[in-house]
Amino acid sequence: MASIMQLSQDFIKSLKRLSDDVKCPNFVFRSYGNLLVTFRKQNTLHLSAVKLAELHSDLKIQEKDELSWKKLKAEGLDEDGEKEAKLRRNLNVIMTKYGMNGKKDSQLVDTNYIKDGTESDTLDDPRLEKLWSKAKTSGKFSDEELDKLWREFKHHKEKIREYNILLETVSRTEDIHKNVINPSEENLVKEEVLHNKHRELKDKLRSINQGFERLRKLSHQGYDTTSEFEEPRVIDLWDMAKSANFTEKELESFREELKHFEAKIEKHHHYQKQLEISHQKLKHVEGTGDKDHLNRNREKYAMLEEKTKELGYKVKKHLQDLSSRISQGLQHNEL
């Protein structure tokens, strides 16, 4: 089973091969973030402006988590290898999500619901496609509500993909465990690691089932104007929080924090939309030959790109922290 360091090296090598394809002679990297600068300039990844900003945020989180893990490992605090295994899974998710795992994926066509919306992307699940088709033709949703509902469907699709990646990882780990011959080899695969992976699978599957039931109800009934939260990730967190081992006071405090989190997400969505608009405008101005106009648009685009990356990182980090707290509460329920 590959270590996180080996997987990171494989990831970087795959990007190096991309740089060779576009003939980047002075390819130097110090981190995932620096690595992306080259590919953004070369447009090698063929991702939209919004997707590139998302990738940057995902890799920034991954890099910080890896640095924290290296400190823990140096202090001998990850003996069972669970934290390393989780990092490996997270990096696998990123590689798959952005088409960097060497596999062709029809889901990675450069589309964005902000730009080309609901018609040019697929959900890759007949049940979801059926629900979405029903919702579109029901007449129960305004254009704005359809846009919001589409984000919920896409969020659900991503949850299924992450579950499948984790399931594949668990299956490989179990195969190794079954093939252990010498007792000394058991140190390579800890029972505790498998137990934690199964628990994570169980949590993700529960979230998927709850999410699908919510989408089913929404498609049939439309949005409830009295609903407390609107953002899919926040709704997921709130549903799980209500099942966790929180006191009434802790739950109320968590509810308030989710309201702040939802506001942060809405702000991020706003900047994503502005970034996409700026990107389209920049492409138009590039063809006019007006250098002053082009420079002004480049400056605005750079500012929006940096702000979108910054907010994207904050949203993902906040989501990570909130999810960790809920996970701890759910574990208490199982004890």
Protein backbone atom coordinates (compact mmCIF):
# COMPACT_ATOMS: atom_id res chain seq x y z
CA MET A 1 0.00 0.00 0.00
CA ALA A 2 1.52 3.30 -1.11
CA SER A 3 2.45 5.82 1.56
CA ILE A 4 1.15 9.39 1.44
CA MET A 5 4.65 10.57 0.51
CA GLN A 6 4.78 8.11 -2.39
CA LEU A 7 1.28 9.08 -3.51
CA SER A 8 2.20 12.78 -3.35
CA GLN A 9 5.29 12.05 -5.45
CA ASP A 10 3.18 10.13 -7.98
CA PHE A 11 0.74 13.05 -8.11
CA ILE A 12 3.54 15.54 -8.73
CA LYS A 13 5.09 13.26 -11.37
CA SER A 14 1.77 13.15 -13.22
CA LEU A 15 1.72 16.94 -13.27
CA LYS A 16 5.36 17.00 -14.37
CA ARG A 17 4.40 14.86 -17.34
CA LEU A 18 1.75 17.44 -18.18
CA SER A 19 4.40 20.16 -18.06
CA ASP A 20 6.55 18.15 -20.48
CA ASP A 21 3.59 18.01 -22.86
CA VAL A 22 3.46 21.81 -22.96
CA LYS A 23 7.28 22.11 -22.88
CA CYS A 24 7.80 23.92 -19.58
CA PRO A 25 11.64 23.99 -19.52
CA ASN A 26 12.13 25.62 -16.12
CA PHE A 27 9.71 23.48 -14.13
CA VAL A 28 10.38 24.02 -10.42
CA PHE A 29 8.02 23.34 -7.52
CA ARG A 30 8.21 23.70 -3.77
CA SER A 31 4.61 22.92 -2.92
CA TYR A 32 1.30 21.96 -4.46
CA GLY A 33 0.39 25.65 -4.59
CA ASN A 34 3.53 26.67 -6.49
CA LEU A 35 3.03 23.70 -8.77
CA LEU A 36 -0.36 25.01 -9.82
CA VAL A 37 1.02 28.39 -10.91
CA THR A 38 2.77 26.78 -13.88
CA PHE A 39 -0.33 24.91 -14.99
CA ARG A 40 -2.61 27.89 -14.58
CA LYS A 41 -0.33 29.87 -16.93
CA GLN A 42 -0.11 27.00 -19.40
CA ASN A 43 -3.80 26.05 -19.02
CA THR A 44 -2.63 22.43 -19.08
CA LEU A 45 -5.34 21.18 -16.77
CA HIS A 46 -8.14 22.47 -19.03
CA LEU A 47 -10.23 23.57 -16.05
CA SER A 48 -12.43 26.63 -15.77
CA ALA A 49 -11.32 29.60 -13.68
CA VAL A 50 -13.64 28.54 -10.86
CA LYS A 51 -12.44 24.90 -10.94
CA LEU A 52 -8.80 26.02 -10.84
CA ALA A 53 -9.52 28.14 -7.78
CA GLU A 54 -11.25 25.15 -6.15
CA LEU A 55 -8.28 22.90 -6.93
CA HIS A 56 -5.95 25.46 -5.39
CA SER A 57 -8.02 25.48 -2.18
CA ASP A 58 -8.18 21.67 -2.03
CA LEU A 59 -4.41 21.36 -2.44
CA LYS A 60 -3.73 24.07 0.16
CA ILE A 61 -5.77 22.10 2.71
CA GLN A 62 -4.01 18.88 1.71
CA GLU A 63 -0.58 20.46 2.01
CA LYS A 64 -1.27 21.86 5.48
CA ASP A 65 -2.66 18.52 6.64
CA GLU A 66 0.42 16.70 5.33
CA LEU A 67 2.75 19.10 7.16
CA SER A 68 0.81 18.55 10.40
CA TRP A 69 1.00 14.78 9.89
CA LYS A 70 4.78 14.88 9.33
CA LYS A 71 5.20 16.63 12.69
CA LEU A 72 3.00 14.02 14.37
CA LYS A 73 4.89 11.17 12.73
CA ALA A 74 8.23 12.64 13.84
CA GLU A 75 6.88 12.55 17.39
CA GLY A 76 5.70 8.95 16.97
CA LEU A 77 2.02 9.89 17.27
CA ASP A 78 0.61 8.06 14.24
CA GLU A 79 1.70 4.54 15.06
CA ASP A 80 -1.38 2.83 13.60
CA GLY A 81 -1.06 4.83 10.37
CA GLU A 82 -4.70 6.00 10.41
CA LYS A 83 -3.90 9.68 9.86
CA GLU A 84 -1.62 8.78 6.95
CA ALA A 85 -4.33 6.55 5.48
CA LYS A 86 -6.84 9.40 5.69
CA LEU A 87 -4.42 11.78 3.95
CA ARG A 88 -3.91 9.19 1.23
CA ARG A 89 -7.67 8.88 0.74
CA ASN A 90 -8.07 12.66 0.60
CA LEU A 91 -5.37 12.99 -2.05
CA ASN A 92 -7.00 10.20 -4.06
CA VAL A 93 -10.27 12.14 -3.94
CA ILE A 94 -8.54 15.28 -5.25
CA MET A 95 -6.76 13.39 -8.04
CA THR A 96 -10.01 11.76 -9.14
CA LYS A 97 -12.10 14.89 -8.77
CA TYR A 98 -9.89 16.94 -11.11
CA GLY A 99 -8.92 14.18 -13.54
CA MET A 100 -5.32 13.77 -12.35
CA ASN A 101 -5.42 10.05 -11.65
CA GLY A 102 -4.65 8.99 -15.21
CA LYS A 103 -8.19 7.75 -15.81
CA LYS A 104 -10.57 9.22 -18.32
CA ASP A 105 -13.65 10.55 -16.61
CA SER A 106 -16.67 11.89 -18.45
CA GLN A 107 -17.56 13.87 -15.36
CA LEU A 108 -14.57 16.14 -15.78
CA VAL A 109 -15.71 18.03 -18.85
CA ASP A 110 -14.97 21.69 -18.20
CA THR A 111 -18.44 22.72 -17.11
CA ASN A 112 -19.69 24.93 -14.35
CA TYR A 113 -23.25 25.39 -13.13
CA ILE A 114 -22.52 29.11 -12.77
CA LYS A 115 -21.67 29.42 -16.44
CA ASP A 116 -23.50 26.78 -18.44
CA GLY A 117 -25.79 25.49 -15.78
CA THR A 118 -27.95 22.46 -15.80
CA GLU A 119 -28.04 21.30 -19.39
CA SER A 120 -24.40 20.49 -20.19
CA ASP A 121 -23.44 18.37 -17.20
CA THR A 122 -24.53 14.90 -16.11
CA LEU A 123 -25.31 13.30 -12.77
CA ASP A 124 -24.15 9.78 -13.75
CA ASP A 125 -26.87 8.12 -11.69
CA PRO A 126 -30.23 7.12 -13.24
CA ARG A 127 -32.08 7.79 -9.98
CA LEU A 128 -30.68 11.32 -9.75
CA GLU A 129 -31.30 12.00 -13.44
CA LYS A 130 -34.93 10.92 -13.04
CA LEU A 131 -35.45 13.14 -10.00
CA TRP A 132 -33.81 16.11 -11.71
CA SER A 133 -35.92 15.68 -14.84
CA LYS A 134 -39.06 15.56 -12.72
CA ALA A 135 -38.08 18.69 -10.79
CA LYS A 136 -37.30 20.67 -13.99
CA THR A 137 -40.70 19.95 -15.51
CA SER A 138 -42.77 20.18 -12.32
CA GLY A 139 -43.28 23.94 -12.45
CA LYS A 140 -42.65 24.11 -8.68
CA PHE A 141 -39.29 25.86 -8.95
CA SER A 142 -38.26 29.34 -10.05
CA ASP A 143 -35.05 29.71 -12.09
CA GLU A 144 -33.20 30.71 -8.92
CA GLU A 145 -34.55 27.68 -7.04
CA LEU A 146 -33.60 25.37 -9.92
CA ASP A 147 -30.06 26.74 -9.78
CA LYS A 148 -29.97 26.06 -6.03
CA LEU A 149 -31.46 22.59 -6.50
CA TRP A 150 -28.86 21.78 -9.17
CA ARG A 151 -26.11 22.59 -6.66
CA GLU A 152 -27.71 20.11 -4.27
CA PHE A 153 -27.76 17.40 -6.94
CA LYS A 154 -24.12 18.09 -7.84
CA HIS A 155 -23.15 18.00 -4.16
CA HIS A 156 -24.86 14.62 -3.82
CA LYS A 157 -23.01 13.33 -6.88
CA GLU A 158 -19.69 14.35 -5.31
CA LYS A 159 -20.59 12.55 -2.07
CA ILE A 160 -21.23 9.34 -4.02
CA ARG A 161 -17.88 9.66 -5.82
CA GLU A 162 -16.01 10.18 -2.54
CA TYR A 163 -17.79 7.18 -1.03
CA ASN A 164 -16.79 5.00 -3.99
CA ILE A 165 -13.15 6.09 -3.70
CA LEU A 166 -13.14 5.25 0.00
CA LEU A 167 -14.87 1.92 -0.66
CA GLU A 168 -12.19 1.01 -3.20
CA THR A 169 -9.47 1.92 -0.67
CA VAL A 170 -11.07 -0.21 2.04
CA SER A 171 -11.43 -3.15 -0.35
CA ARG A 172 -7.73 -2.99 -1.25
CA THR A 173 -6.77 -2.80 2.43
CA GLU A 174 -8.92 -5.84 3.26
CA ASP A 175 -7.36 -7.80 0.41
CA ILE A 176 -3.91 -7.10 1.83
CA HIS A 177 -5.12 -8.10 5.29
CA LYS A 178 -6.48 -11.43 4.01
CA ASN A 179 -3.19 -12.21 2.25
CA VAL A 180 -1.05 -11.71 5.37
CA ILE A 181 0.96 -14.89 5.91
CA ASN A 182 3.51 -14.09 8.57
CA PRO A 183 2.30 -12.62 11.87
CA SER A 184 4.98 -9.92 11.61
CA GLU A 185 3.28 -8.57 8.52
CA GLU A 186 0.19 -7.72 10.55
CA ASN A 187 1.91 -4.52 11.58
CA LEU A 188 1.43 -3.30 8.02
CA VAL A 189 -2.34 -3.43 8.29
CA LYS A 190 -3.83 -2.53 11.64
CA GLU A 191 -7.25 -3.72 12.69
CA GLU A 192 -7.93 -0.26 14.09
CA VAL A 193 -7.29 1.35 10.70
CA LEU A 194 -9.82 -0.94 9.04
CA HIS A 195 -12.32 -0.28 11.80
CA ASN A 196 -11.98 3.47 11.34
CA LYS A 197 -12.35 3.17 7.58
CA HIS A 198 -15.52 1.12 7.97
CA ARG A 199 -16.89 3.71 10.37
CA GLU A 200 -16.12 6.46 7.86
CA LEU A 201 -17.84 4.42 5.14
CA LYS A 202 -20.86 3.99 7.38
CA ASP A 203 -21.03 7.76 8.05
CA LYS A 204 -20.73 8.60 4.35
CA LEU A 205 -23.37 6.05 3.35
CA ARG A 206 -25.76 7.40 5.98
CA SER A 207 -25.19 10.91 4.63
CA ILE A 208 -25.81 9.72 1.06
CA ASN A 209 -29.08 8.01 2.02
CA GLN A 210 -30.28 11.06 3.94
CA GLY A 211 -29.28 13.31 1.04
CA PHE A 212 -31.11 11.22 -1.53
CA GLU A 213 -34.27 11.18 0.58
CA ARG A 214 -34.08 14.96 0.84
CA LEU A 215 -33.67 15.31 -2.95
CA ARG A 216 -36.61 12.96 -3.50
CA LYS A 217 -38.85 15.08 -1.26
CA LEU A 218 -37.64 18.33 -2.81
CA SER A 219 -38.28 17.08 -6.35
CA HIS A 220 -41.86 16.18 -5.44
CA GLN A 221 -42.78 19.00 -3.06
CA GLY A 222 -40.54 21.95 -3.89
CA TYR A 223 -38.68 24.12 -1.37
CA ASP A 224 -40.08 24.80 2.05
CA THR A 225 -39.94 28.56 2.62
CA THR A 226 -39.56 27.95 6.37
CA SER A 227 -36.45 25.79 5.92
CA GLU A 228 -33.66 26.88 8.25
CA PHE A 229 -30.73 26.27 5.89
CA GLU A 230 -30.38 26.30 2.11
CA GLU A 231 -26.79 25.31 1.31
CA PRO A 232 -26.41 21.52 0.71
CA ARG A 233 -23.28 21.14 2.84
CA VAL A 234 -24.87 23.03 5.72
CA ILE A 235 -28.04 20.92 5.50
CA ASP A 236 -25.90 17.76 5.63
CA LEU A 237 -24.02 19.01 8.67
CA TRP A 238 -27.21 19.98 10.49
CA ASP A 239 -28.84 16.60 9.81
CA MET A 240 -25.77 14.79 11.14
CA ALA A 241 -25.43 17.13 14.12
CA LYS A 242 -28.96 16.27 15.23
CA SER A 243 -27.92 12.59 15.30
CA ALA A 244 -24.69 13.25 17.21
CA ASN A 245 -24.17 13.12 20.95
CA PHE A 246 -24.60 16.87 21.53
CA THR A 247 -26.33 18.46 24.49
CA GLU A 248 -29.16 20.89 23.76
CA LYS A 249 -26.85 23.81 24.47
CA GLU A 250 -24.09 22.40 22.22
CA LEU A 251 -26.60 21.79 19.43
CA GLU A 252 -27.90 25.34 19.63
CA SER A 253 -24.33 26.67 19.54
CA PHE A 254 -23.61 24.47 16.51
CA ARG A 255 -26.75 25.79 14.79
CA GLU A 256 -25.50 29.37 15.19
CA GLU A 257 -22.08 28.43 13.83
CA LEU A 258 -23.74 26.82 10.81
CA LYS A 259 -25.52 30.10 10.07
CA HIS A 260 -22.15 31.86 9.95
CA PHE A 261 -20.75 29.04 7.82
CA GLU A 262 -23.64 29.34 5.34
CA ALA A 263 -23.03 33.09 5.04
CA LYS A 264 -19.36 32.35 4.29
CA ILE A 265 -20.38 29.88 1.57
CA GLU A 266 -22.77 32.40 0.00
CA LYS A 267 -19.96 34.96 -0.11
CA HIS A 268 -17.73 32.37 -1.80
CA HIS A 269 -20.46 31.64 -4.38
CA HIS A 270 -20.69 35.37 -5.10
CA TYR A 271 -16.97 35.62 -5.82
CA GLN A 272 -17.05 32.44 -7.92
CA LYS A 273 -19.71 34.03 -10.12
CA GLN A 274 -17.75 37.28 -10.37
CA LEU A 275 -14.59 35.34 -11.27
CA GLU A 276 -16.38 33.47 -14.05
CA ILE A 277 -17.82 36.71 -15.44
CA SER A 278 -14.38 38.36 -15.26
CA HIS A 279 -12.81 35.37 -17.02
CA GLN A 280 -15.29 35.58 -19.90
CA LYS A 281 -14.77 39.33 -20.18
CA LEU A 282 -10.99 38.93 -20.15
CA LYS A 283 -11.16 36.44 -23.03
CA HIS A 284 -13.26 38.94 -24.99
CA VAL A 285 -10.91 41.87 -24.29
CA GLU A 286 -7.85 39.81 -25.29
CA GLY A 287 -9.19 39.79 -28.83
CA THR A 288 -9.64 43.58 -29.08
CA GLY A 289 -5.97 44.59 -28.91
CA ASP A 290 -6.68 47.37 -26.40
CA LYS A 291 -3.69 47.04 -24.04
CA ASP A 292 -4.92 49.48 -21.37
CA HIS A 293 -8.32 47.79 -21.22
CA LEU A 294 -6.62 44.40 -21.15
CA ASN A 295 -4.34 45.35 -18.26
CA ARG A 296 -7.27 46.66 -16.21
CA ASN A 297 -9.20 43.45 -16.80
CA ARG A 298 -6.19 41.31 -15.93
CA GLU A 299 -5.77 43.19 -12.65
CA LYS A 300 -9.43 42.74 -11.77
CA TYR A 301 -9.30 39.07 -12.72
CA ALA A 302 -6.18 38.50 -10.59
CA MET A 303 -7.85 40.19 -7.61
CA LEU A 304 -11.02 38.10 -7.97
CA GLU A 305 -9.01 34.92 -8.45
CA GLU A 306 -7.02 35.51 -5.26
CA LYS A 307 -10.15 36.37 -3.27
CA THR A 308 -11.96 33.27 -4.57
CA LYS A 309 -9.00 31.06 -3.61
CA GLU A 310 -8.81 32.63 -0.15
CA LEU A 311 -12.53 32.18 0.51
CA GLY A 312 -12.48 28.68 -0.96
CA TYR A 313 -9.76 27.68 1.47
CA LYS A 314 -11.61 29.21 4.43
CA VAL A 315 -14.84 27.42 3.49
CA LYS A 316 -13.10 24.05 3.11
CA LYS A 317 -11.16 24.47 6.35
CA HIS A 318 -14.32 25.46 8.24
CA LEU A 319 -16.16 22.47 6.73
CA GLN A 320 -13.30 20.20 7.79
CA ASP A 321 -13.45 21.49 11.38
CA LEU A 322 -17.25 21.21 11.62
CA SER A 323 -17.24 17.70 10.14
CA SER A 324 -14.57 16.60 12.61
CA ARG A 325 -16.66 17.81 15.55
CA ILE A 326 -19.73 15.96 14.30
CA SER A 327 -17.69 12.80 13.67
CA GLN A 328 -16.51 12.86 17.28
CA GLY A 329 -20.12 13.24 18.44
CA LEU A 330 -21.25 10.31 16.29
CA GLN A 331 -18.41 8.15 17.63
CA HIS A 332 -19.61 8.84 21.19
CA ASN A 333 -23.02 7.49 20.15
CA GLU A 334 -21.42 4.20 19.09
CA LEU A 335 -19.54 3.72 22.37
